[in-house]
Amino acid sequence: MSDTNRRLFDFIRRSPSPFHVVQTIAQRLTAAGYVPLLETAAWQLRPGGSYFVTRNGSSLIAFRLPEAAWRGFLLTAAHSDSPTFQVKENGELHGPEDYLRLNTDPYGGMLMAPWLDRPLSLAGRVVVRLEEGAVAARLVDLDRDLLVIPSVAIHLNREANKGAALDPRTDLIPLLGQGDARGTLKQLASQAAGVAEADLLSTELFLYLRQPGTVLGAKGEFIAAPRLDDLQCAFGCLEGFLQGREQGCLPLYAVFDNEEVGSATKQGADGTFLSDVLRRVCAAAGRELAPTVAASLMLSADNAHAVHPNHPEYADAGNRPRLNGGVVIKRTASQRYATDGLSAALFAELCRRAGVPVQYLTNRSDLPGGSTLGNIANTHVSLPTVDIGLPQLAMHSVYETAGAADTDYLIRAVAAFYSAAYRCGGDGTYRI
């Protein structure tokens, strides 16, 4: 196993919920000398300083303020969330018989069948009472084989292999325990938070797969892990961001929550988090926001569909990304991706110079793809953007497959991006 994939798997293991993703990234940034900022406080930024700020504990933006004069922003955006199940506030279901189950809500558009018969656990955050009138959020990870969503045996449902629909209300309820177990969920959550049950006020807990990432294939060509969409890009962009050496632009790294449910939250790409941070950075540097943003460039990083080995017909005839084929540039006439000819050319040229292979994804004309962070963020902060990703199989499954070489390609491409002397010329000429 390569060192990159080992570190990717460790990043995923430590990040079972969006809150833990941000915690893991914040720890990495702090170790690299980045200073945390508070949205509720005035910012004292100095040239040469490195900073990060979080919102809701599930989104994060980091940046470095150049010591010399700078032209615009170079920024990447990935997301911290993945399709899963969220436990409802009154989450225990008692019965039938003496079973204890959890009442859950599907989060995001997932492949449901792969969640069956897997070792699952719970992670997220809880809100606890500190004293009268004071509350605080604490991250919890039960971090044990705790739950299972059992299939119905083929003997009892002879149609199970004929495409039977799964109903989240009945077929996808996780089994937690047996016997007289009322209050078990609150007991487990309060113990994980280190508080008395009476001081546990609210929970935001998500199911996650306990199975770790692995390398597979005859020659170790593939990797498989939970939440590759989009933690593979969050990890790769972070590593490239830390390796980059700015050449006249301000580097900024963003990870947003709630992409899988539309991004329309205060911590999502359809909120004000990015524009708020850019405005405050410009104010601290004595710059005007609009011309600075116009001189900027963004990579929106979210994984892409590789051509499927058993169903190649789902791929476009001429744009068929393959595993281990390099970074994917995503385009569509519907503008659900923010890439245009200019941004695609700039990124492809950057990758050519960095020795990183590039491939292209255009969805089959009768199969519309999903939207990404790029086109959503552009409705608030408009700048040239290229939607990129890494090719993978089984997107939105509980366990996904990708190429063993592709994370390294992304890191190299992003490091080159953050080291580029990007210029946006008024005459229509762009340099990178």
Protein backbone atom coordinates (compact mmCIF):
# COMPACT_ATOMS: atom_id res chain seq x y z
CA MET A 1 0.00 0.00 0.00
CA SER A 2 1.34 3.44 -0.91
CA ASP A 3 1.89 6.01 1.81
CA THR A 4 -0.73 8.26 0.18
CA ASN A 5 -3.45 5.62 0.35
CA ARG A 6 -2.47 4.71 3.90
CA ARG A 7 -2.90 8.33 4.93
CA LEU A 8 -6.15 8.61 2.95
CA PHE A 9 -7.60 5.60 4.77
CA ASP A 10 -6.51 7.07 8.12
CA PHE A 11 -8.18 10.37 7.19
CA ILE A 12 -11.41 8.53 6.36
CA ARG A 13 -11.24 6.40 9.51
CA ARG A 14 -10.93 9.51 11.66
CA SER A 15 -13.79 11.24 9.83
CA PRO A 16 -17.02 9.24 10.35
CA SER A 17 -19.24 12.37 10.25
CA PRO A 18 -18.95 15.88 8.73
CA PHE A 19 -18.12 17.20 12.21
CA HIS A 20 -15.24 14.75 12.50
CA VAL A 21 -14.05 15.63 8.97
CA VAL A 22 -13.64 19.24 10.04
CA GLN A 23 -12.00 18.22 13.31
CA THR A 24 -9.50 16.02 11.44
CA ILE A 25 -8.68 18.81 8.97
CA ALA A 26 -8.39 21.39 11.77
CA GLN A 27 -5.94 19.16 13.62
CA ARG A 28 -3.82 18.80 10.49
CA LEU A 29 -3.85 22.56 9.89
CA THR A 30 -3.01 23.34 13.51
CA ALA A 31 -0.04 20.98 13.35
CA ALA A 32 1.10 22.88 10.24
CA GLY A 33 0.99 26.20 12.12
CA TYR A 34 -2.43 27.51 11.07
CA VAL A 35 -4.20 29.76 13.55
CA PRO A 36 -7.94 29.25 14.21
CA LEU A 37 -10.21 32.28 13.78
CA LEU A 38 -13.68 32.87 15.19
CA GLU A 39 -16.50 34.22 13.05
CA THR A 40 -17.79 36.08 16.10
CA ALA A 41 -14.54 38.01 16.65
CA ALA A 42 -12.60 40.67 14.78
CA TRP A 43 -9.80 39.24 12.64
CA GLN A 44 -6.27 40.51 13.01
CA LEU A 45 -4.53 39.13 9.92
CA ARG A 46 -0.86 39.65 9.21
CA PRO A 47 1.00 39.17 5.92
CA GLY A 48 2.58 35.73 5.93
CA GLY A 49 0.02 34.37 8.39
CA SER A 50 -1.90 31.10 7.98
CA TYR A 51 -5.46 30.82 9.27
CA PHE A 52 -8.63 28.75 9.28
CA VAL A 53 -12.22 29.29 10.37
CA THR A 54 -15.13 26.88 10.81
CA ARG A 55 -18.89 27.23 10.60
CA ASN A 56 -21.30 24.87 12.35
CA GLY A 57 -18.38 22.60 13.13
CA SER A 58 -18.97 20.89 9.77
CA SER A 59 -17.54 23.38 7.22
CA LEU A 60 -14.06 24.90 7.15
CA ILE A 61 -12.09 27.48 5.17
CA ALA A 62 -8.31 27.85 5.44
CA PHE A 63 -6.06 30.42 3.79
CA ARG A 64 -2.56 31.88 3.76
CA LEU A 65 -2.04 35.62 3.51
CA PRO A 66 0.93 36.32 1.20
CA GLU A 67 3.67 38.59 2.44
CA ALA A 68 3.98 40.37 -0.92
CA ALA A 69 1.27 41.96 -3.06
CA TRP A 70 -1.29 39.50 -4.42
CA ARG A 71 -3.75 39.58 -7.31
CA GLY A 72 -6.64 37.26 -6.49
CA PHE A 73 -7.65 33.99 -4.86
CA LEU A 74 -6.75 30.45 -5.88
CA LEU A 75 -9.26 28.24 -4.13
CA THR A 76 -10.44 24.65 -4.01
CA ALA A 77 -13.75 23.40 -2.66
CA ALA A 78 -14.76 19.88 -1.61
CA HIS A 79 -17.49 18.64 0.73
CA SER A 80 -17.50 16.95 4.12
CA ASP A 81 -20.77 15.01 3.97
CA SER A 82 -21.70 11.66 2.40
CA PRO A 83 -25.03 9.83 2.01
CA THR A 84 -26.01 8.06 5.22
CA PHE A 85 -28.82 7.73 7.77
CA GLN A 86 -29.40 10.26 10.55
CA VAL A 87 -30.95 9.11 13.82
CA LYS A 88 -34.13 10.98 14.66
CA GLU A 89 -34.34 12.94 17.91
CA ASN A 90 -36.56 10.38 19.66
CA GLY A 91 -34.60 7.62 18.05
CA GLU A 92 -35.51 4.39 19.81
CA LEU A 93 -38.06 1.98 18.37
CA HIS A 94 -39.16 -0.79 20.74
CA GLY A 95 -40.46 -3.97 19.12
CA PRO A 96 -41.60 -6.02 17.47
CA GLU A 97 -40.97 -8.72 20.04
CA ASP A 98 -38.07 -7.62 22.26
CA TYR A 99 -35.97 -5.93 19.56
CA LEU A 100 -34.54 -2.43 20.02
CA ARG A 101 -34.19 -0.53 16.74
CA LEU A 102 -33.30 3.02 15.71
CA ASN A 103 -35.63 5.42 13.92
CA THR A 104 -33.63 7.01 11.09
CA ASP A 105 -33.94 9.48 8.20
CA PRO A 106 -32.08 8.92 4.91
CA TYR A 107 -29.55 11.70 4.29
CA GLY A 108 -28.71 12.27 0.63
CA GLY A 109 -29.33 10.10 -2.41
CA MET A 110 -27.78 6.75 -1.59
CA LEU A 111 -27.56 3.24 -2.92
CA MET A 112 -29.56 1.59 -0.16
CA ALA A 113 -28.97 -2.13 -0.63
CA PRO A 114 -25.23 -2.03 0.24
CA TRP A 115 -26.09 -0.84 3.77
CA LEU A 116 -27.66 -4.20 4.58
CA ASP A 117 -25.80 -6.77 6.70
CA ARG A 118 -22.80 -4.55 7.49
CA PRO A 119 -21.17 -3.68 10.84
CA LEU A 120 -22.29 -0.13 11.56
CA SER A 121 -21.69 2.43 14.27
CA LEU A 122 -22.79 5.97 15.20
CA ALA A 123 -20.92 9.27 15.16
CA GLY A 124 -21.74 12.96 15.08
CA ARG A 125 -22.27 15.57 17.73
CA VAL A 126 -24.42 16.06 20.78
CA VAL A 127 -25.43 19.21 22.62
CA VAL A 128 -24.93 19.09 26.38
CA ARG A 129 -25.80 21.30 29.33
CA LEU A 130 -22.74 22.79 31.02
CA GLU A 131 -24.56 24.83 33.64
CA GLU A 132 -27.84 26.67 33.92
CA GLY A 133 -28.29 28.59 30.68
CA ALA A 134 -25.08 27.33 29.03
CA VAL A 135 -24.83 24.57 26.42
CA ALA A 136 -22.03 23.25 24.21
CA ALA A 137 -21.58 20.84 21.32
CA ARG A 138 -19.35 17.79 21.73
CA LEU A 139 -18.26 15.32 19.11
CA VAL A 140 -18.96 11.66 19.77
CA ASP A 141 -17.94 8.48 18.00
CA LEU A 142 -19.20 5.23 19.48
CA ASP A 143 -16.47 3.51 17.43
CA ARG A 144 -17.58 -0.10 17.86
CA ASP A 145 -19.53 -2.71 15.92
CA LEU A 146 -22.90 -1.64 17.26
CA LEU A 147 -25.64 -1.88 14.63
CA VAL A 148 -26.77 -3.95 11.68
CA ILE A 149 -29.56 -3.55 9.13
CA PRO A 150 -30.57 -7.19 8.53
CA SER A 151 -31.80 -8.43 5.17
CA VAL A 152 -34.88 -10.59 4.85
CA ALA A 153 -33.81 -14.15 4.07
CA ILE A 154 -34.32 -15.35 0.50
CA HIS A 155 -36.52 -18.16 1.87
CA LEU A 156 -38.99 -15.56 3.14
CA ASN A 157 -38.82 -13.21 0.17
CA ARG A 158 -38.32 -15.17 -3.04
CA GLU A 159 -38.48 -11.93 -5.08
CA ALA A 160 -35.52 -10.35 -3.30
CA ASN A 161 -33.18 -10.79 -6.29
CA LYS A 162 -35.65 -9.33 -8.75
CA GLY A 163 -35.11 -5.68 -7.97
CA ALA A 164 -37.42 -5.37 -4.99
CA ALA A 165 -37.69 -1.77 -3.73
CA LEU A 166 -36.35 -0.92 -0.27
CA ASP A 167 -38.50 1.28 1.95
CA PRO A 168 -36.42 3.32 4.46
CA ARG A 169 -39.35 3.28 6.87
CA THR A 170 -39.40 -0.52 7.14
CA ASP A 171 -36.50 -2.22 5.34
CA LEU A 172 -33.61 -0.02 6.47
CA ILE A 173 -34.14 0.32 10.21
CA PRO A 174 -30.95 -0.61 12.10
CA LEU A 175 -31.04 -3.16 14.92
CA LEU A 176 -29.38 -1.91 18.12
CA GLY A 177 -30.22 -4.42 20.83
CA GLN A 178 -32.60 -6.83 22.50
CA GLY A 179 -34.45 -7.11 25.77
CA ASP A 180 -35.31 -4.42 28.28
CA ALA A 181 -33.13 -1.74 26.74
CA ARG A 182 -35.13 1.49 26.92
CA GLY A 183 -32.88 4.52 27.08
CA THR A 184 -29.90 2.66 25.59
CA LEU A 185 -29.24 5.25 22.87
CA LYS A 186 -29.18 8.16 25.31
CA GLN A 187 -27.01 6.16 27.69
CA LEU A 188 -24.48 5.36 24.94
CA ALA A 189 -24.42 8.93 23.64
CA SER A 190 -24.03 10.52 27.07
CA GLN A 191 -21.25 8.10 28.00
CA ALA A 192 -19.43 8.95 24.75
CA ALA A 193 -19.82 12.66 25.51
CA GLY A 194 -18.70 12.25 29.11
CA VAL A 195 -21.84 13.79 30.64
CA ALA A 196 -24.77 12.66 32.74
CA GLU A 197 -27.83 11.53 30.81
CA ALA A 198 -29.84 14.40 32.26
CA ASP A 199 -27.39 16.87 30.67
CA LEU A 200 -27.71 15.41 27.14
CA LEU A 201 -30.04 17.87 25.40
CA SER A 202 -29.92 17.03 21.68
CA THR A 203 -28.16 14.77 19.19
CA GLU A 204 -27.03 14.79 15.55
CA LEU A 205 -25.90 11.21 15.06
CA PHE A 206 -25.21 9.44 11.78
CA LEU A 207 -24.68 5.80 10.86
CA TYR A 208 -21.34 4.87 9.37
CA LEU A 209 -19.69 1.72 8.10
CA ARG A 210 -16.98 0.28 10.32
CA GLN A 211 -15.18 -1.50 7.49
CA PRO A 212 -11.78 0.13 6.89
CA GLY A 213 -10.32 1.09 3.53
CA THR A 214 -8.30 -1.46 1.63
CA VAL A 215 -6.21 -1.98 -1.50
CA LEU A 216 -7.40 -4.66 -3.91
CA GLY A 217 -6.97 -5.92 -7.46
CA ALA A 218 -4.53 -8.37 -9.02
CA LYS A 219 -1.72 -5.82 -8.84
CA GLY A 220 -3.14 -3.55 -6.16
CA GLU A 221 -4.73 -1.34 -8.80
CA PHE A 222 -7.80 -0.35 -6.81
CA ILE A 223 -8.79 1.06 -3.45
CA ALA A 224 -12.11 0.63 -1.68
CA ALA A 225 -13.35 2.56 1.32
CA PRO A 226 -16.37 4.28 2.81
CA ARG A 227 -17.06 7.92 1.89
CA LEU A 228 -14.58 8.23 -0.98
CA ASP A 229 -17.15 10.71 -2.29
CA ASP A 230 -16.00 13.22 -1.28
CA LEU A 231 -13.33 12.61 1.34
CA GLN A 232 -10.88 11.51 -1.34
CA CYS A 233 -11.07 15.03 -2.79
CA ALA A 234 -11.16 16.73 0.62
CA PHE A 235 -7.97 14.88 1.56
CA GLY A 236 -6.23 15.36 -1.80
CA CYS A 237 -7.00 19.08 -1.94
CA LEU A 238 -5.81 19.55 1.65
CA GLU A 239 -2.49 17.86 0.90
CA GLY A 240 -2.03 19.90 -2.28
CA PHE A 241 -2.95 23.09 -0.42
CA LEU A 242 -0.29 22.46 2.22
CA GLN A 243 2.32 21.66 -0.44
CA GLY A 244 1.58 24.68 -2.64
CA ARG A 245 3.93 27.67 -2.87
CA GLU A 246 1.98 30.75 -3.90
CA GLN A 247 3.18 32.92 -6.76
CA GLY A 248 1.21 36.14 -6.41
CA CYS A 249 -2.23 34.81 -5.41
CA LEU A 250 -3.83 34.04 -2.05
CA PRO A 251 -4.40 30.27 -1.58
CA LEU A 252 -7.68 29.24 0.04
CA TYR A 253 -9.05 25.77 0.83
CA ALA A 254 -12.75 25.18 1.54
CA VAL A 255 -14.76 22.18 2.70
CA PHE A 256 -18.54 22.57 2.82
CA ASP A 257 -21.23 20.49 4.49
CA ASN A 258 -24.64 19.48 3.10
CA GLU A 259 -23.67 19.08 -0.56
CA GLU A 260 -25.55 15.78 -0.65
CA VAL A 261 -28.82 17.52 0.29
CA GLY A 262 -28.56 20.59 -1.93
CA SER A 263 -26.10 22.90 -0.09
CA ALA A 264 -28.84 25.38 0.90
CA THR A 265 -27.75 25.78 4.53
CA LYS A 266 -25.70 28.32 6.45
CA GLN A 267 -22.72 25.95 6.24
CA GLY A 268 -23.36 24.83 2.66
CA ALA A 269 -21.94 26.13 -0.61
CA ASP A 270 -25.30 27.85 -1.22
CA GLY A 271 -24.84 29.85 1.99
CA THR A 272 -22.72 32.91 2.72
CA PHE A 273 -19.71 31.22 4.32
CA LEU A 274 -17.37 31.61 1.34
CA SER A 275 -18.42 35.15 0.48
CA ASP A 276 -18.21 36.17 4.14
CA VAL A 277 -14.64 34.90 4.43
CA LEU A 278 -13.51 36.44 1.14
CA ARG A 279 -15.00 39.79 2.15
CA ARG A 280 -13.24 39.75 5.53
CA VAL A 281 -9.90 38.76 4.01
CA CYS A 282 -10.15 41.57 1.46
CA ALA A 283 -11.12 44.05 4.17
CA ALA A 284 -8.11 43.04 6.28
CA ALA A 285 -5.84 43.51 3.26
CA GLY A 286 -7.41 46.83 2.27
CA ARG A 287 -8.73 45.45 -1.00
CA GLU A 288 -12.00 45.72 -2.89
CA LEU A 289 -13.84 42.40 -3.09
CA ALA A 290 -15.29 42.45 -6.63
CA PRO A 291 -12.10 42.99 -8.65
CA THR A 292 -10.20 40.57 -6.42
CA VAL A 293 -12.76 37.83 -7.00
CA ALA A 294 -12.76 38.57 -10.74
CA ALA A 295 -9.01 37.91 -10.77
CA SER A 296 -9.44 34.53 -9.06
CA LEU A 297 -9.77 30.87 -10.10
CA MET A 298 -11.53 27.96 -8.38
CA LEU A 299 -11.34 24.17 -8.48
CA SER A 300 -14.59 22.49 -7.43
CA ALA A 301 -13.51 18.98 -6.45
CA ASP A 302 -16.12 16.23 -6.28
CA ASN A 303 -15.65 12.69 -7.54
CA ALA A 304 -16.71 11.53 -11.00
CA HIS A 305 -18.21 8.36 -12.47
CA ALA A 306 -15.70 5.95 -14.00
CA VAL A 307 -16.85 3.75 -16.84
CA HIS A 308 -18.43 0.69 -15.21
CA PRO A 309 -16.85 -2.71 -16.02
CA ASN A 310 -20.24 -4.46 -16.17
CA HIS A 311 -22.29 -1.61 -17.60
CA PRO A 312 -20.14 0.46 -19.97
CA GLU A 313 -23.32 1.55 -21.75
CA TYR A 314 -23.98 4.11 -19.01
CA ALA A 315 -20.90 6.14 -20.03
CA ASP A 316 -20.83 8.71 -22.81
CA ALA A 317 -19.44 7.43 -26.09
CA GLY A 318 -16.46 9.77 -26.14
CA ASN A 319 -15.93 10.86 -22.54
CA ARG A 320 -15.35 7.75 -20.43
CA PRO A 321 -13.09 8.26 -17.39
CA ARG A 322 -11.28 5.16 -16.21
CA LEU A 323 -9.78 4.27 -12.86
CA ASN A 324 -6.11 5.29 -12.56
CA GLY A 325 -6.50 7.52 -15.60
CA GLY A 326 -5.90 10.77 -13.76
CA VAL A 327 -7.94 13.78 -12.71
CA VAL A 328 -11.33 14.19 -14.39
CA ILE A 329 -12.58 17.50 -15.82
CA LYS A 330 -16.39 17.52 -15.76
CA ARG A 331 -18.48 19.42 -18.32
CA THR A 332 -22.12 19.58 -19.30
CA ALA A 333 -24.22 21.76 -21.59
CA SER A 334 -26.83 22.13 -18.82
CA GLN A 335 -24.27 24.08 -16.70
CA ARG A 336 -24.78 21.75 -13.74
CA TYR A 337 -20.98 21.76 -13.77
CA ALA A 338 -19.29 25.17 -13.70
CA THR A 339 -16.54 24.21 -16.18
CA ASP A 340 -16.32 26.17 -19.41
CA GLY A 341 -13.82 26.05 -22.23
CA LEU A 342 -11.55 28.62 -20.61
CA SER A 343 -11.36 27.03 -17.15
CA ALA A 344 -10.96 23.54 -18.65
CA ALA A 345 -8.07 24.68 -20.81
CA LEU A 346 -6.33 26.44 -17.93
CA PHE A 347 -6.53 23.40 -15.67
CA ALA A 348 -5.51 20.97 -18.44
CA GLU A 349 -2.48 23.11 -19.23
CA LEU A 350 -1.54 23.23 -15.57
CA CYS A 351 -1.76 19.44 -15.32
CA ARG A 352 0.27 18.98 -18.50
CA ARG A 353 3.12 20.97 -17.00
CA ALA A 354 2.83 19.04 -13.73
CA GLY A 355 2.88 15.66 -15.51
CA VAL A 356 -0.62 14.78 -14.30
CA PRO A 357 -2.91 12.93 -16.75
CA VAL A 358 -6.31 14.49 -17.39
CA GLN A 359 -9.51 12.90 -18.64
CA TYR A 360 -12.98 14.22 -19.32
CA LEU A 361 -16.49 13.40 -18.19
CA THR A 362 -19.63 14.42 -20.02
CA ASN A 363 -22.74 12.57 -18.94
CA ARG A 364 -24.62 10.52 -21.50
CA SER A 365 -27.08 12.93 -23.09
CA ASP A 366 -30.14 11.14 -21.69
CA LEU A 367 -28.66 10.69 -18.17
CA PRO A 368 -28.39 14.04 -16.38
CA GLY A 369 -25.78 14.15 -13.65
CA GLY A 370 -25.91 15.81 -10.28
CA SER A 371 -24.87 19.37 -9.53
CA THR A 372 -21.68 20.20 -7.65
CA LEU A 373 -20.22 22.82 -5.37
CA GLY A 374 -18.87 24.87 -8.26
CA ASN A 375 -22.05 26.02 -9.93
CA ILE A 376 -23.79 26.53 -6.57
CA ALA A 377 -20.97 28.63 -5.09
CA ASN A 378 -20.79 30.65 -8.30
CA THR A 379 -24.27 32.03 -7.68
CA HIS A 380 -22.78 33.88 -4.68
CA VAL A 381 -19.12 34.35 -5.65
CA SER A 382 -18.73 34.37 -9.43
CA LEU A 383 -15.31 33.51 -10.81
CA PRO A 384 -13.81 31.16 -13.40
CA THR A 385 -14.31 27.63 -12.09
CA VAL A 386 -13.45 24.13 -13.25
CA ASP A 387 -15.32 21.13 -11.84
CA ILE A 388 -12.92 18.25 -11.31
CA GLY A 389 -12.92 14.93 -9.49
CA LEU A 390 -11.40 11.49 -9.30
CA PRO A 391 -12.99 8.54 -11.13
CA GLN A 392 -14.79 6.01 -8.97
CA LEU A 393 -17.28 3.16 -9.10
CA ALA A 394 -20.43 2.68 -6.99
CA MET A 395 -20.78 6.36 -6.12
CA HIS A 396 -23.09 6.87 -3.11
CA SER A 397 -22.67 3.28 -1.98
CA VAL A 398 -21.66 2.65 1.61
CA TYR A 399 -18.36 1.23 0.24
CA GLU A 400 -16.92 2.72 -2.95
CA THR A 401 -14.10 1.82 -5.35
CA ALA A 402 -11.47 4.06 -6.95
CA GLY A 403 -8.03 3.87 -8.56
CA ALA A 404 -5.00 3.36 -6.33
CA ALA A 405 -2.93 5.91 -8.29
CA ASP A 406 -5.48 8.70 -8.62
CA THR A 407 -5.22 10.34 -5.19
CA ASP A 408 -1.53 11.06 -5.87
CA TYR A 409 -2.50 12.60 -9.22
CA LEU A 410 -4.94 14.93 -7.49
CA ILE A 411 -2.42 16.00 -4.85
CA ARG A 412 0.14 16.81 -7.54
CA ALA A 413 -2.41 18.74 -9.61
CA VAL A 414 -3.66 20.75 -6.63
CA ALA A 415 -0.12 21.51 -5.41
CA ALA A 416 0.67 22.80 -8.91
CA PHE A 417 -2.53 24.84 -8.89
CA TYR A 418 -1.66 26.53 -5.61
CA SER A 419 1.87 27.19 -6.90
CA ALA A 420 0.68 28.74 -10.18
CA ALA A 421 1.37 32.38 -11.10
CA TYR A 422 -2.22 32.82 -12.28
CA ARG A 423 -3.07 36.07 -14.06
CA CYS A 424 -6.37 37.19 -15.48
CA GLY A 425 -5.63 39.74 -18.20
CA GLY A 426 -8.02 42.50 -19.15
CA ASP A 427 -7.35 41.72 -22.82
CA GLY A 428 -8.85 38.23 -22.50
CA THR A 429 -5.48 36.51 -22.06
CA TYR A 430 -5.05 34.24 -19.04
CA ARG A 431 -1.78 32.86 -17.72
CA ILE A 432 -1.21 29.99 -15.33
